[in-house]
Amino acid sequence: MYPKIKLAWTFSLLVSLVMILGACSDSSNQGSNNAGGGTTNPPQATNDESANKPVLITPVTIKHLKGEMTLEKVPEKIVVLDVQYADQMLALGFQPAGSVVAETDNGLPPYLGDKMGNIPLLGTYVEPNLEGIIAIEPDLIIATEFHDDIYEDLLKIAPTITLERNEDWQTVLLKFGKILNKPQEAQALVDGYKQKISELKTALTDKMKGQTVALIRPRDEMIRLQTTSHRTSQILYDDLGLTPPKMAVNSKDSSMMISLEVLPELAADHMFLLQDDTNLELTTEFQNTAIWKSLNAVKESKIYAENTAQWIGYYGPIAINLVVDQIADALN
């Protein structure tokens, strides 16, 4: 058995390590303030004028979809056009100066609680509010390829880094570590995740031997099966070494639509069921059918309901660690 308390202990230890590294980093920059829209633990006021200046760093070059950008100081005000990047910044102790909202929640992600404070909200990642961005006067904008059509407009406002929206969150975190002058803290978070995954994988190896796990989402009168190519599925299959049903093995498409009638052919021993307000009625409809009730996973109470947005909408370290905790709770 994999003790549930060990997951929490591991994450707490990791957070403590990051805080210690952050303190060491701050002590090496006396007279400077950690910039980036404000930290979650802002420094005490001081009469030293240099405390109000951004942290000077060794110039770092960030590679992104539009080329390269060299930074010589930590940007004081960063606007993010995808909520996952707010998660990345918060994990490193920074608040964005402004952020779009998550369409899946029609607001900021509930799991972030009050960590975002009262920062300006700038529309959705599909339709960012350019006037709102201008009003912030940011030093840096973090966008994705979904914003290519407004990229030139963004450049007129501030330097803009364009990241691939589906890029591995660990790679992105290391980039944010460079941008925010927190490379050690970013690496510590990545290392901590790998350790956490390793422990859980070991704990589940014998228990889950010979059993398959599927990730499904009722939608559009059908069921969307997330395949082995999907980002969240990769946590299950690649990181944790769990076995997918044969139907879910796909190296090209991240999902496929199947009908309720086909669901028994999936023959999954365990199923993570993604649901939210948009598909709750359809999910309930499916659950009341004879086909659904006949599934072995249903009969053996191995269906685990999880929040859609939490599992497939957010890909920062805070969200990913919560997903791993929920997998551990379900399968232990």
C-alpha atoms as a PDB file:
ATOM      1  CA  MET A   1       0.000   0.000   0.000  1.00  0.00           C
ATOM      2  CA  TYR A   2       1.142   3.477  -0.766  1.00  0.00           C
ATOM      3  CA  PRO A   3       0.500   5.613   2.348  1.00  0.00           C
ATOM      4  CA  LYS A   4      -1.615   8.631   1.408  1.00  0.00           C
ATOM      5  CA  ILE A   5       0.131  10.676   4.055  1.00  0.00           C
ATOM      6  CA  LYS A   6       3.433  10.086   2.242  1.00  0.00           C
ATOM      7  CA  LEU A   7       2.217  11.997  -0.813  1.00  0.00           C
ATOM      8  CA  ALA A   8       1.309  14.978   1.304  1.00  0.00           C
ATOM      9  CA  TRP A   9       4.609  14.685   3.180  1.00  0.00           C
ATOM     10  CA  THR A  10       6.551  14.575  -0.071  1.00  0.00           C
ATOM     11  CA  PHE A  11       4.834  17.645  -1.455  1.00  0.00           C
ATOM     12  CA  SER A  12       5.238  19.547   1.828  1.00  0.00           C
ATOM     13  CA  LEU A  13       8.927  18.685   1.884  1.00  0.00           C
ATOM     14  CA  LEU A  14       9.239  19.881  -1.694  1.00  0.00           C
ATOM     15  CA  VAL A  15       7.529  23.186  -0.963  1.00  0.00           C
ATOM     16  CA  SER A  16       9.796  23.679   2.038  1.00  0.00           C
ATOM     17  CA  LEU A  17      12.846  23.011  -0.125  1.00  0.00           C
ATOM     18  CA  VAL A  18      11.718  25.567  -2.691  1.00  0.00           C
ATOM     19  CA  MET A  19      11.171  28.146   0.057  1.00  0.00           C
ATOM     20  CA  ILE A  20      14.659  27.509   1.419  1.00  0.00           C
ATOM     21  CA  LEU A  21      16.203  27.828  -2.034  1.00  0.00           C
ATOM     22  CA  GLY A  22      14.212  31.014  -2.584  1.00  0.00           C
ATOM     23  CA  ALA A  23      15.514  32.463   0.664  1.00  0.00           C
ATOM     24  CA  CYS A  24      19.077  31.660  -0.325  1.00  0.00           C
ATOM     25  CA  SER A  25      18.527  33.231  -3.739  1.00  0.00           C
ATOM     26  CA  ASP A  26      17.024  36.360  -2.174  1.00  0.00           C
ATOM     27  CA  SER A  27      19.932  36.734   0.239  1.00  0.00           C
ATOM     28  CA  SER A  28      22.311  36.860  -2.703  1.00  0.00           C
ATOM     29  CA  ASN A  29      20.377  39.796  -4.161  1.00  0.00           C
ATOM     30  CA  GLN A  30      20.337  42.183  -1.209  1.00  0.00           C
ATOM     31  CA  GLY A  31      18.890  45.571  -2.042  1.00  0.00           C
ATOM     32  CA  SER A  32      16.774  44.081  -4.861  1.00  0.00           C
ATOM     33  CA  ASN A  33      13.131  43.120  -4.999  1.00  0.00           C
ATOM     34  CA  ASN A  34      11.844  39.893  -6.609  1.00  0.00           C
ATOM     35  CA  ALA A  35       9.719  41.205  -9.453  1.00  0.00           C
ATOM     36  CA  GLY A  36       7.028  39.649 -11.584  1.00  0.00           C
ATOM     37  CA  GLY A  37       3.773  41.235 -10.539  1.00  0.00           C
ATOM     38  CA  GLY A  38       4.560  40.787  -6.837  1.00  0.00           C
ATOM     39  CA  THR A  39       5.527  37.702  -4.843  1.00  0.00           C
ATOM     40  CA  THR A  40       3.154  35.795  -2.616  1.00  0.00           C
ATOM     41  CA  ASN A  41       5.384  36.861   0.278  1.00  0.00           C
ATOM     42  CA  PRO A  42       6.406  40.441  -0.549  1.00  0.00           C
ATOM     43  CA  PRO A  43       9.504  41.830   1.152  1.00  0.00           C
ATOM     44  CA  GLN A  44       9.203  44.362   3.942  1.00  0.00           C
ATOM     45  CA  ALA A  45       9.292  48.026   3.024  1.00  0.00           C
ATOM     46  CA  THR A  46      12.702  49.676   3.062  1.00  0.00           C
ATOM     47  CA  ASN A  47      14.172  53.106   2.543  1.00  0.00           C
ATOM     48  CA  ASP A  48      16.791  51.710   0.172  1.00  0.00           C
ATOM     49  CA  GLU A  49      15.790  52.929  -3.291  1.00  0.00           C
ATOM     50  CA  SER A  50      17.459  49.926  -4.882  1.00  0.00           C
ATOM     51  CA  ALA A  51      14.838  47.693  -3.226  1.00  0.00           C
ATOM     52  CA  ASN A  52      12.301  48.933  -5.757  1.00  0.00           C
ATOM     53  CA  LYS A  53      14.405  47.961  -8.738  1.00  0.00           C
ATOM     54  CA  PRO A  54      14.001  44.650 -10.534  1.00  0.00           C
ATOM     55  CA  VAL A  55      16.452  41.882  -9.768  1.00  0.00           C
ATOM     56  CA  LEU A  56      19.514  42.037 -12.018  1.00  0.00           C
ATOM     57  CA  ILE A  57      20.467  38.665 -13.429  1.00  0.00           C
ATOM     58  CA  THR A  58      23.037  37.172 -15.729  1.00  0.00           C
ATOM     59  CA  PRO A  59      21.449  37.562 -19.158  1.00  0.00           C
ATOM     60  CA  VAL A  60      19.372  34.484 -20.022  1.00  0.00           C
ATOM     61  CA  THR A  61      18.047  33.503 -23.429  1.00  0.00           C
ATOM     62  CA  ILE A  62      14.612  31.936 -23.694  1.00  0.00           C
ATOM     63  CA  LYS A  63      13.844  29.899 -26.808  1.00  0.00           C
ATOM     64  CA  HIS A  64      10.216  30.056 -27.907  1.00  0.00           C
ATOM     65  CA  LEU A  65       8.036  29.531 -30.969  1.00  0.00           C
ATOM     66  CA  LYS A  66       8.889  32.921 -32.437  1.00  0.00           C
ATOM     67  CA  GLY A  67      12.630  32.687 -31.933  1.00  0.00           C
ATOM     68  CA  GLU A  68      14.688  33.731 -28.907  1.00  0.00           C
ATOM     69  CA  MET A  69      14.458  36.432 -26.263  1.00  0.00           C
ATOM     70  CA  THR A  70      17.313  37.559 -24.025  1.00  0.00           C
ATOM     71  CA  LEU A  71      16.418  38.940 -20.595  1.00  0.00           C
ATOM     72  CA  GLU A  72      18.839  40.990 -18.504  1.00  0.00           C
ATOM     73  CA  LYS A  73      16.505  41.469 -15.550  1.00  0.00           C
ATOM     74  CA  VAL A  74      13.446  39.836 -14.058  1.00  0.00           C
ATOM     75  CA  PRO A  75      10.320  41.395 -15.608  1.00  0.00           C
ATOM     76  CA  GLU A  76       8.349  43.321 -12.990  1.00  0.00           C
ATOM     77  CA  LYS A  77       4.920  42.789 -14.545  1.00  0.00           C
ATOM     78  CA  ILE A  78       4.154  39.603 -16.445  1.00  0.00           C
ATOM     79  CA  VAL A  79       0.822  39.003 -18.166  1.00  0.00           C
ATOM     80  CA  VAL A  80      -0.114  35.387 -18.938  1.00  0.00           C
ATOM     81  CA  LEU A  81      -2.587  34.473 -21.670  1.00  0.00           C
ATOM     82  CA  ASP A  82      -3.136  30.910 -20.454  1.00  0.00           C
ATOM     83  CA  VAL A  83      -4.011  30.019 -16.864  1.00  0.00           C
ATOM     84  CA  GLN A  84      -1.491  27.182 -16.773  1.00  0.00           C
ATOM     85  CA  TYR A  85       1.250  29.811 -16.780  1.00  0.00           C
ATOM     86  CA  ALA A  86      -0.250  31.452 -13.702  1.00  0.00           C
ATOM     87  CA  ASP A  87       0.125  28.056 -12.007  1.00  0.00           C
ATOM     88  CA  GLN A  88       3.778  27.950 -13.104  1.00  0.00           C
ATOM     89  CA  MET A  89       4.475  31.404 -11.662  1.00  0.00           C
ATOM     90  CA  LEU A  90       2.657  30.746  -8.389  1.00  0.00           C
ATOM     91  CA  ALA A  91       4.617  27.531  -7.894  1.00  0.00           C
ATOM     92  CA  LEU A  92       7.776  29.663  -7.969  1.00  0.00           C
ATOM     93  CA  GLY A  93       6.372  32.247  -5.561  1.00  0.00           C
ATOM     94  CA  PHE A  94       5.223  34.917  -8.023  1.00  0.00           C
ATOM     95  CA  GLN A  95       1.867  36.356  -9.012  1.00  0.00           C
ATOM     96  CA  PRO A  96       1.207  37.359 -12.611  1.00  0.00           C
ATOM     97  CA  ALA A  97       0.294  41.009 -13.118  1.00  0.00           C
ATOM     98  CA  GLY A  98      -2.745  39.891 -15.101  1.00  0.00           C
ATOM     99  CA  SER A  99      -4.233  36.675 -16.449  1.00  0.00           C
ATOM    100  CA  VAL A 100      -6.944  35.384 -18.733  1.00  0.00           C
ATOM    101  CA  VAL A 101      -9.579  33.170 -17.121  1.00  0.00           C
ATOM    102  CA  ALA A 102     -10.243  29.484 -17.671  1.00  0.00           C
ATOM    103  CA  GLU A 103     -13.238  28.902 -19.932  1.00  0.00           C
ATOM    104  CA  THR A 104     -13.890  25.538 -18.316  1.00  0.00           C
ATOM    105  CA  ASP A 105     -14.505  27.265 -14.968  1.00  0.00           C
ATOM    106  CA  ASN A 106     -15.542  30.639 -16.399  1.00  0.00           C
ATOM    107  CA  GLY A 107     -13.081  32.169 -13.984  1.00  0.00           C
ATOM    108  CA  LEU A 108      -9.853  31.417 -12.188  1.00  0.00           C
ATOM    109  CA  PRO A 109      -9.212  27.764 -11.305  1.00  0.00           C
ATOM    110  CA  PRO A 110     -10.812  26.905  -7.940  1.00  0.00           C
ATOM    111  CA  TYR A 111      -7.773  24.851  -6.920  1.00  0.00           C
ATOM    112  CA  LEU A 112      -5.665  28.032  -6.809  1.00  0.00           C
ATOM    113  CA  GLY A 113      -7.893  29.435  -4.065  1.00  0.00           C
ATOM    114  CA  ASP A 114      -6.956  33.024  -3.232  1.00  0.00           C
ATOM    115  CA  LYS A 115      -3.375  32.695  -4.462  1.00  0.00           C
ATOM    116  CA  MET A 116      -4.143  34.924  -7.459  1.00  0.00           C
ATOM    117  CA  GLY A 117      -5.361  37.772  -5.266  1.00  0.00           C
ATOM    118  CA  ASN A 118      -7.229  40.543  -7.056  1.00  0.00           C
ATOM    119  CA  ILE A 119      -5.165  40.666 -10.219  1.00  0.00           C
ATOM    120  CA  PRO A 120      -6.856  42.020 -13.375  1.00  0.00           C
ATOM    121  CA  LEU A 121      -8.684  39.378 -15.415  1.00  0.00           C
ATOM    122  CA  LEU A 122      -8.144  39.704 -19.142  1.00  0.00           C
ATOM    123  CA  GLY A 123     -10.841  37.725 -20.937  1.00  0.00           C
ATOM    124  CA  THR A 124     -10.229  34.134 -22.040  1.00  0.00           C
ATOM    125  CA  TYR A 125      -7.223  32.591 -23.761  1.00  0.00           C
ATOM    126  CA  VAL A 126      -9.350  32.438 -26.922  1.00  0.00           C
ATOM    127  CA  GLU A 127     -10.256  36.133 -26.727  1.00  0.00           C
ATOM    128  CA  PRO A 128      -7.784  38.079 -24.557  1.00  0.00           C
ATOM    129  CA  ASN A 129      -8.744  41.639 -23.652  1.00  0.00           C
ATOM    130  CA  LEU A 130      -6.053  43.742 -25.374  1.00  0.00           C
ATOM    131  CA  GLU A 131      -7.226  46.971 -23.749  1.00  0.00           C
ATOM    132  CA  GLY A 132      -6.905  45.356 -20.346  1.00  0.00           C
ATOM    133  CA  ILE A 133      -3.383  44.203 -21.179  1.00  0.00           C
ATOM    134  CA  ILE A 134      -2.420  47.709 -22.316  1.00  0.00           C
ATOM    135  CA  ALA A 135      -3.713  49.177 -19.043  1.00  0.00           C
ATOM    136  CA  ILE A 136      -1.342  46.955 -17.038  1.00  0.00           C
ATOM    137  CA  GLU A 137       1.700  48.176 -18.989  1.00  0.00           C
ATOM    138  CA  PRO A 138       3.405  44.789 -18.727  1.00  0.00           C
ATOM    139  CA  ASP A 139       7.113  44.174 -19.147  1.00  0.00           C
ATOM    140  CA  LEU A 140       6.493  40.727 -20.617  1.00  0.00           C
ATOM    141  CA  ILE A 141       3.586  38.776 -22.105  1.00  0.00           C
ATOM    142  CA  ILE A 142       3.475  34.969 -22.158  1.00  0.00           C
ATOM    143  CA  ALA A 143       1.271  33.690 -24.996  1.00  0.00           C
ATOM    144  CA  THR A 144       0.723  30.473 -26.956  1.00  0.00           C
ATOM    145  CA  GLU A 145       0.365  29.552 -30.616  1.00  0.00           C
ATOM    146  CA  PHE A 146      -3.378  30.177 -30.175  1.00  0.00           C
ATOM    147  CA  HIS A 147      -2.513  33.885 -30.138  1.00  0.00           C
ATOM    148  CA  ASP A 148      -0.634  33.945 -33.427  1.00  0.00           C
ATOM    149  CA  ASP A 149      -3.329  36.102 -35.025  1.00  0.00           C
ATOM    150  CA  ILE A 150      -2.768  38.850 -32.434  1.00  0.00           C
ATOM    151  CA  TYR A 151       0.966  38.317 -31.974  1.00  0.00           C
ATOM    152  CA  GLU A 152       1.916  41.546 -33.743  1.00  0.00           C
ATOM    153  CA  ASP A 153      -0.590  43.458 -31.593  1.00  0.00           C
ATOM    154  CA  LEU A 154       0.925  41.941 -28.466  1.00  0.00           C
ATOM    155  CA  LEU A 155       4.429  42.940 -29.556  1.00  0.00           C
ATOM    156  CA  LYS A 156       3.273  46.551 -29.744  1.00  0.00           C
ATOM    157  CA  ILE A 157       2.312  46.330 -26.079  1.00  0.00           C
ATOM    158  CA  ALA A 158       5.314  44.472 -24.652  1.00  0.00           C
ATOM    159  CA  PRO A 159       7.951  41.832 -25.494  1.00  0.00           C
ATOM    160  CA  THR A 160       6.097  38.566 -26.002  1.00  0.00           C
ATOM    161  CA  ILE A 161       7.201  34.968 -25.510  1.00  0.00           C
ATOM    162  CA  THR A 162       5.102  32.390 -27.357  1.00  0.00           C
ATOM    163  CA  LEU A 163       5.098  28.868 -25.905  1.00  0.00           C
ATOM    164  CA  GLU A 164       3.503  25.728 -27.255  1.00  0.00           C
ATOM    165  CA  ARG A 165       0.273  25.259 -25.335  1.00  0.00           C
ATOM    166  CA  ASN A 166       0.707  21.495 -25.060  1.00  0.00           C
ATOM    167  CA  GLU A 167       4.414  21.610 -24.237  1.00  0.00           C
ATOM    168  CA  ASP A 168       5.500  19.427 -21.341  1.00  0.00           C
ATOM    169  CA  TRP A 169       4.831  21.337 -18.115  1.00  0.00           C
ATOM    170  CA  GLN A 170       8.232  20.416 -16.680  1.00  0.00           C
ATOM    171  CA  THR A 171      10.039  21.962 -19.648  1.00  0.00           C
ATOM    172  CA  VAL A 172       7.887  25.071 -19.311  1.00  0.00           C
ATOM    173  CA  LEU A 173       8.590  25.276 -15.578  1.00  0.00           C
ATOM    174  CA  LEU A 174      12.327  25.312 -16.212  1.00  0.00           C
ATOM    175  CA  LYS A 175      11.807  28.177 -18.671  1.00  0.00           C
ATOM    176  CA  PHE A 176       9.890  30.109 -16.037  1.00  0.00           C
ATOM    177  CA  GLY A 177      12.728  29.369 -13.644  1.00  0.00           C
ATOM    178  CA  LYS A 178      15.065  31.193 -16.018  1.00  0.00           C
ATOM    179  CA  ILE A 179      12.630  34.075 -16.619  1.00  0.00           C
ATOM    180  CA  LEU A 180      12.055  34.617 -12.890  1.00  0.00           C
ATOM    181  CA  ASN A 181      15.667  33.979 -11.862  1.00  0.00           C
ATOM    182  CA  LYS A 182      14.600  30.883  -9.926  1.00  0.00           C
ATOM    183  CA  PRO A 183      16.329  28.042 -11.814  1.00  0.00           C
ATOM    184  CA  GLN A 184      17.186  26.062  -8.676  1.00  0.00           C
ATOM    185  CA  GLU A 185      13.639  26.300  -7.344  1.00  0.00           C
ATOM    186  CA  ALA A 186      12.201  25.195 -10.681  1.00  0.00           C
ATOM    187  CA  GLN A 187      14.556  22.214 -10.853  1.00  0.00           C
ATOM    188  CA  ALA A 188      13.659  21.294  -7.264  1.00  0.00           C
ATOM    189  CA  LEU A 189       9.972  21.160  -8.202  1.00  0.00           C
ATOM    190  CA  VAL A 190      10.719  18.948 -11.211  1.00  0.00           C
ATOM    191  CA  ASP A 191      12.919  16.641  -9.131  1.00  0.00           C
ATOM    192  CA  GLY A 192      10.297  16.475  -6.395  1.00  0.00           C
ATOM    193  CA  TYR A 193       7.623  15.457  -8.887  1.00  0.00           C
ATOM    194  CA  LYS A 194       9.817  12.704 -10.278  1.00  0.00           C
ATOM    195  CA  GLN A 195      10.469  11.383  -6.784  1.00  0.00           C
ATOM    196  CA  LYS A 196       6.765  11.484  -5.967  1.00  0.00           C
ATOM    197  CA  ILE A 197       5.904   9.613  -9.165  1.00  0.00           C
ATOM    198  CA  SER A 198       8.625   7.040  -8.556  1.00  0.00           C
ATOM    199  CA  GLU A 199       7.279   6.246  -5.086  1.00  0.00           C
ATOM    200  CA  LEU A 200       3.690   5.911  -6.281  1.00  0.00           C
ATOM    201  CA  LYS A 201       4.695   3.817  -9.297  1.00  0.00           C
ATOM    202  CA  THR A 202       6.524   1.399  -7.026  1.00  0.00           C
ATOM    203  CA  ALA A 203       3.545   1.191  -4.697  1.00  0.00           C
ATOM    204  CA  LEU A 204       1.109   0.449  -7.527  1.00  0.00           C
ATOM    205  CA  THR A 205       3.221  -2.025  -9.509  1.00  0.00           C
ATOM    206  CA  ASP A 206       2.039  -5.219  -7.791  1.00  0.00           C
ATOM    207  CA  LYS A 207      -1.457  -4.027  -6.952  1.00  0.00           C
ATOM    208  CA  MET A 208      -2.304  -2.967 -10.509  1.00  0.00           C
ATOM    209  CA  LYS A 209      -0.563  -5.840 -12.297  1.00  0.00           C
ATOM    210  CA  GLY A 210      -2.772  -7.212 -15.077  1.00  0.00           C
ATOM    211  CA  GLN A 211      -5.364  -4.445 -14.655  1.00  0.00           C
ATOM    212  CA  THR A 212      -6.149  -1.709 -17.163  1.00  0.00           C
ATOM    213  CA  VAL A 213      -6.979   1.931 -16.532  1.00  0.00           C
ATOM    214  CA  ALA A 214      -8.954   4.251 -18.832  1.00  0.00           C
ATOM    215  CA  LEU A 215      -9.659   7.976 -18.875  1.00  0.00           C
ATOM    216  CA  ILE A 216     -13.094   8.903 -20.272  1.00  0.00           C
ATOM    217  CA  ARG A 217     -15.255  11.986 -20.665  1.00  0.00           C
ATOM    218  CA  PRO A 218     -18.949  11.895 -21.707  1.00  0.00           C
ATOM    219  CA  ARG A 219     -19.491  14.574 -24.345  1.00  0.00           C
ATOM    220  CA  ASP A 220     -21.688  15.344 -27.371  1.00  0.00           C
ATOM    221  CA  GLU A 221     -23.912  12.280 -26.767  1.00  0.00           C
ATOM    222  CA  MET A 222     -20.792  10.126 -27.004  1.00  0.00           C
ATOM    223  CA  ILE A 223     -17.846   9.245 -24.792  1.00  0.00           C
ATOM    224  CA  ARG A 224     -14.442  10.765 -25.406  1.00  0.00           C
ATOM    225  CA  LEU A 225     -11.703   8.265 -24.660  1.00  0.00           C
ATOM    226  CA  GLN A 226      -8.392   9.948 -23.901  1.00  0.00           C
ATOM    227  CA  THR A 227      -5.682   7.863 -25.541  1.00  0.00           C
ATOM    228  CA  THR A 228      -2.089   7.166 -24.590  1.00  0.00           C
ATOM    229  CA  SER A 229      -1.070  10.311 -26.515  1.00  0.00           C
ATOM    230  CA  HIS A 230      -3.067  12.648 -24.280  1.00  0.00           C
ATOM    231  CA  ARG A 231      -1.153  14.803 -21.806  1.00  0.00           C
ATOM    232  CA  THR A 232      -3.066  13.618 -18.747  1.00  0.00           C
ATOM    233  CA  SER A 233      -3.100  10.013 -19.930  1.00  0.00           C
ATOM    234  CA  GLN A 234       0.682  10.171 -20.037  1.00  0.00           C
ATOM    235  CA  ILE A 235       0.696  10.655 -16.265  1.00  0.00           C
ATOM    236  CA  LEU A 236      -1.187   7.369 -15.947  1.00  0.00           C
ATOM    237  CA  TYR A 237       0.668   5.373 -18.566  1.00  0.00           C
ATOM    238  CA  ASP A 238       4.125   6.912 -18.940  1.00  0.00           C
ATOM    239  CA  ASP A 239       4.836   8.360 -15.507  1.00  0.00           C
ATOM    240  CA  LEU A 240       3.090   5.731 -13.386  1.00  0.00           C
ATOM    241  CA  GLY A 241       3.450   2.762 -15.733  1.00  0.00           C
ATOM    242  CA  LEU A 242      -0.245   1.803 -15.595  1.00  0.00           C
ATOM    243  CA  THR A 243      -1.673  -0.337 -18.403  1.00  0.00           C
ATOM    244  CA  PRO A 244      -4.080   1.195 -20.937  1.00  0.00           C
ATOM    245  CA  PRO A 245      -6.890  -0.800 -22.580  1.00  0.00           C
ATOM    246  CA  LYS A 246      -5.934  -1.832 -26.123  1.00  0.00           C
ATOM    247  CA  MET A 247      -8.549   0.545 -27.521  1.00  0.00           C
ATOM    248  CA  ALA A 248      -6.801   3.500 -25.863  1.00  0.00           C
ATOM    249  CA  VAL A 249      -3.383   2.829 -27.413  1.00  0.00           C
ATOM    250  CA  ASN A 250      -2.871   5.521 -30.051  1.00  0.00           C
ATOM    251  CA  SER A 251       0.338   7.305 -30.943  1.00  0.00           C
ATOM    252  CA  LYS A 252      -1.274   9.893 -33.237  1.00  0.00           C
ATOM    253  CA  ASP A 253      -4.587  11.092 -31.818  1.00  0.00           C
ATOM    254  CA  SER A 254      -4.937  12.223 -28.208  1.00  0.00           C
ATOM    255  CA  SER A 255      -8.594  11.164 -28.053  1.00  0.00           C
ATOM    256  CA  MET A 256     -11.302   9.246 -29.878  1.00  0.00           C
ATOM    257  CA  MET A 257     -15.075   9.260 -29.664  1.00  0.00           C
ATOM    258  CA  ILE A 258     -16.902   6.027 -28.875  1.00  0.00           C
ATOM    259  CA  SER A 259     -20.583   5.345 -28.313  1.00  0.00           C
ATOM    260  CA  LEU A 260     -22.073   4.061 -25.087  1.00  0.00           C
ATOM    261  CA  GLU A 261     -22.754   0.769 -26.862  1.00  0.00           C
ATOM    262  CA  VAL A 262     -19.024   0.357 -27.562  1.00  0.00           C
ATOM    263  CA  LEU A 263     -17.951   1.141 -23.990  1.00  0.00           C
ATOM    264  CA  PRO A 264     -18.139  -2.521 -22.828  1.00  0.00           C
ATOM    265  CA  GLU A 265     -15.562  -3.377 -25.518  1.00  0.00           C
ATOM    266  CA  LEU A 266     -13.138  -1.001 -23.797  1.00  0.00           C
ATOM    267  CA  ALA A 267     -13.095  -3.557 -20.975  1.00  0.00           C
ATOM    268  CA  ALA A 268     -11.225  -1.273 -18.587  1.00  0.00           C
ATOM    269  CA  ASP A 269     -10.792  -2.546 -15.035  1.00  0.00           C
ATOM    270  CA  HIS A 270     -10.605   1.018 -13.707  1.00  0.00           C
ATOM    271  CA  MET A 271     -12.019   4.205 -15.235  1.00  0.00           C
ATOM    272  CA  PHE A 272     -11.383   7.814 -14.346  1.00  0.00           C
ATOM    273  CA  LEU A 273     -14.581   9.642 -15.288  1.00  0.00           C
ATOM    274  CA  LEU A 274     -14.166  13.326 -16.104  1.00  0.00           C
ATOM    275  CA  GLN A 275     -17.243  15.419 -15.438  1.00  0.00           C
ATOM    276  CA  ASP A 276     -18.350  18.999 -14.852  1.00  0.00           C
ATOM    277  CA  ASP A 277     -21.448  21.153 -15.218  1.00  0.00           C
ATOM    278  CA  THR A 278     -21.345  20.842 -19.020  1.00  0.00           C
ATOM    279  CA  ASN A 279     -21.689  17.050 -19.082  1.00  0.00           C
ATOM    280  CA  LEU A 280     -23.285  16.197 -15.741  1.00  0.00           C
ATOM    281  CA  GLU A 281     -26.715  15.614 -17.286  1.00  0.00           C
ATOM    282  CA  LEU A 282     -25.288  13.374 -20.029  1.00  0.00           C
ATOM    283  CA  THR A 283     -23.170  11.475 -17.503  1.00  0.00           C
ATOM    284  CA  THR A 284     -26.209  10.838 -15.323  1.00  0.00           C
ATOM    285  CA  GLU A 285     -28.135   9.666 -18.377  1.00  0.00           C
ATOM    286  CA  PHE A 286     -25.397   7.166 -19.235  1.00  0.00           C
ATOM    287  CA  GLN A 287     -25.118   5.975 -15.645  1.00  0.00           C
ATOM    288  CA  ASN A 288     -28.820   5.070 -15.587  1.00  0.00           C
ATOM    289  CA  THR A 289     -28.540   2.720 -18.580  1.00  0.00           C
ATOM    290  CA  ALA A 290     -28.305  -1.060 -18.431  1.00  0.00           C
ATOM    291  CA  ILE A 291     -25.112  -0.914 -20.513  1.00  0.00           C
ATOM    292  CA  TRP A 292     -23.342   1.273 -17.956  1.00  0.00           C
ATOM    293  CA  LYS A 293     -24.555  -0.774 -15.014  1.00  0.00           C
ATOM    294  CA  SER A 294     -23.271  -3.951 -16.676  1.00  0.00           C
ATOM    295  CA  LEU A 295     -19.646  -2.725 -16.758  1.00  0.00           C
ATOM    296  CA  ASN A 296     -17.311  -4.657 -14.447  1.00  0.00           C
ATOM    297  CA  ALA A 297     -15.685  -1.410 -13.323  1.00  0.00           C
ATOM    298  CA  VAL A 298     -19.112  -0.170 -12.218  1.00  0.00           C
ATOM    299  CA  LYS A 299     -20.026  -3.402 -10.450  1.00  0.00           C
ATOM    300  CA  GLU A 300     -16.736  -3.378  -8.561  1.00  0.00           C
ATOM    301  CA  SER A 301     -16.897   0.357  -7.720  1.00  0.00           C
ATOM    302  CA  LYS A 302     -13.817   1.179  -9.749  1.00  0.00           C
ATOM    303  CA  ILE A 303     -15.194   4.303 -11.430  1.00  0.00           C
ATOM    304  CA  TYR A 304     -13.559   7.459 -10.115  1.00  0.00           C
ATOM    305  CA  ALA A 305     -15.266  10.784 -10.824  1.00  0.00           C
ATOM    306  CA  GLU A 306     -12.834  13.677 -11.274  1.00  0.00           C
ATOM    307  CA  ASN A 307     -13.203  17.313 -12.315  1.00  0.00           C
ATOM    308  CA  THR A 308     -12.679  17.832 -16.042  1.00  0.00           C
ATOM    309  CA  ALA A 309     -10.921  21.186 -15.817  1.00  0.00           C
ATOM    310  CA  GLN A 310      -8.657  19.985 -13.033  1.00  0.00           C
ATOM    311  CA  TRP A 311      -7.497  17.021 -15.085  1.00  0.00           C
ATOM    312  CA  ILE A 312      -7.273  18.328 -18.639  1.00  0.00           C
ATOM    313  CA  GLY A 313      -7.392  22.111 -18.401  1.00  0.00           C
ATOM    314  CA  TYR A 314      -4.460  23.011 -16.181  1.00  0.00           C
ATOM    315  CA  TYR A 315      -0.896  21.844 -16.616  1.00  0.00           C
ATOM    316  CA  GLY A 316       1.183  23.655 -14.042  1.00  0.00           C
ATOM    317  CA  PRO A 317       3.035  21.921 -11.200  1.00  0.00           C
ATOM    318  CA  ILE A 318       0.372  22.768  -8.615  1.00  0.00           C
ATOM    319  CA  ALA A 319      -2.411  21.202 -10.697  1.00  0.00           C
ATOM    320  CA  ILE A 320      -0.374  18.185 -11.778  1.00  0.00           C
ATOM    321  CA  ASN A 321       0.573  17.325  -8.206  1.00  0.00           C
ATOM    322  CA  LEU A 322      -3.108  17.454  -7.236  1.00  0.00           C
ATOM    323  CA  VAL A 323      -3.976  15.076 -10.084  1.00  0.00           C
ATOM    324  CA  VAL A 324      -1.315  12.640  -8.902  1.00  0.00           C
ATOM    325  CA  ASP A 325      -2.739  12.839  -5.358  1.00  0.00           C
ATOM    326  CA  GLN A 326      -6.211  12.019  -6.714  1.00  0.00           C
ATOM    327  CA  ILE A 327      -4.862   9.047  -8.667  1.00  0.00           C
ATOM    328  CA  ALA A 328      -3.192   7.778  -5.501  1.00  0.00           C
ATOM    329  CA  ASP A 329      -6.396   8.201  -3.487  1.00  0.00           C
ATOM    330  CA  ALA A 330      -8.406   6.297  -6.107  1.00  0.00           C
ATOM    331  CA  LEU A 331      -6.076   3.345  -6.694  1.00  0.00           C
ATOM    332  CA  ASN A 332      -4.794   2.776  -3.155  1.00  0.00           C
END
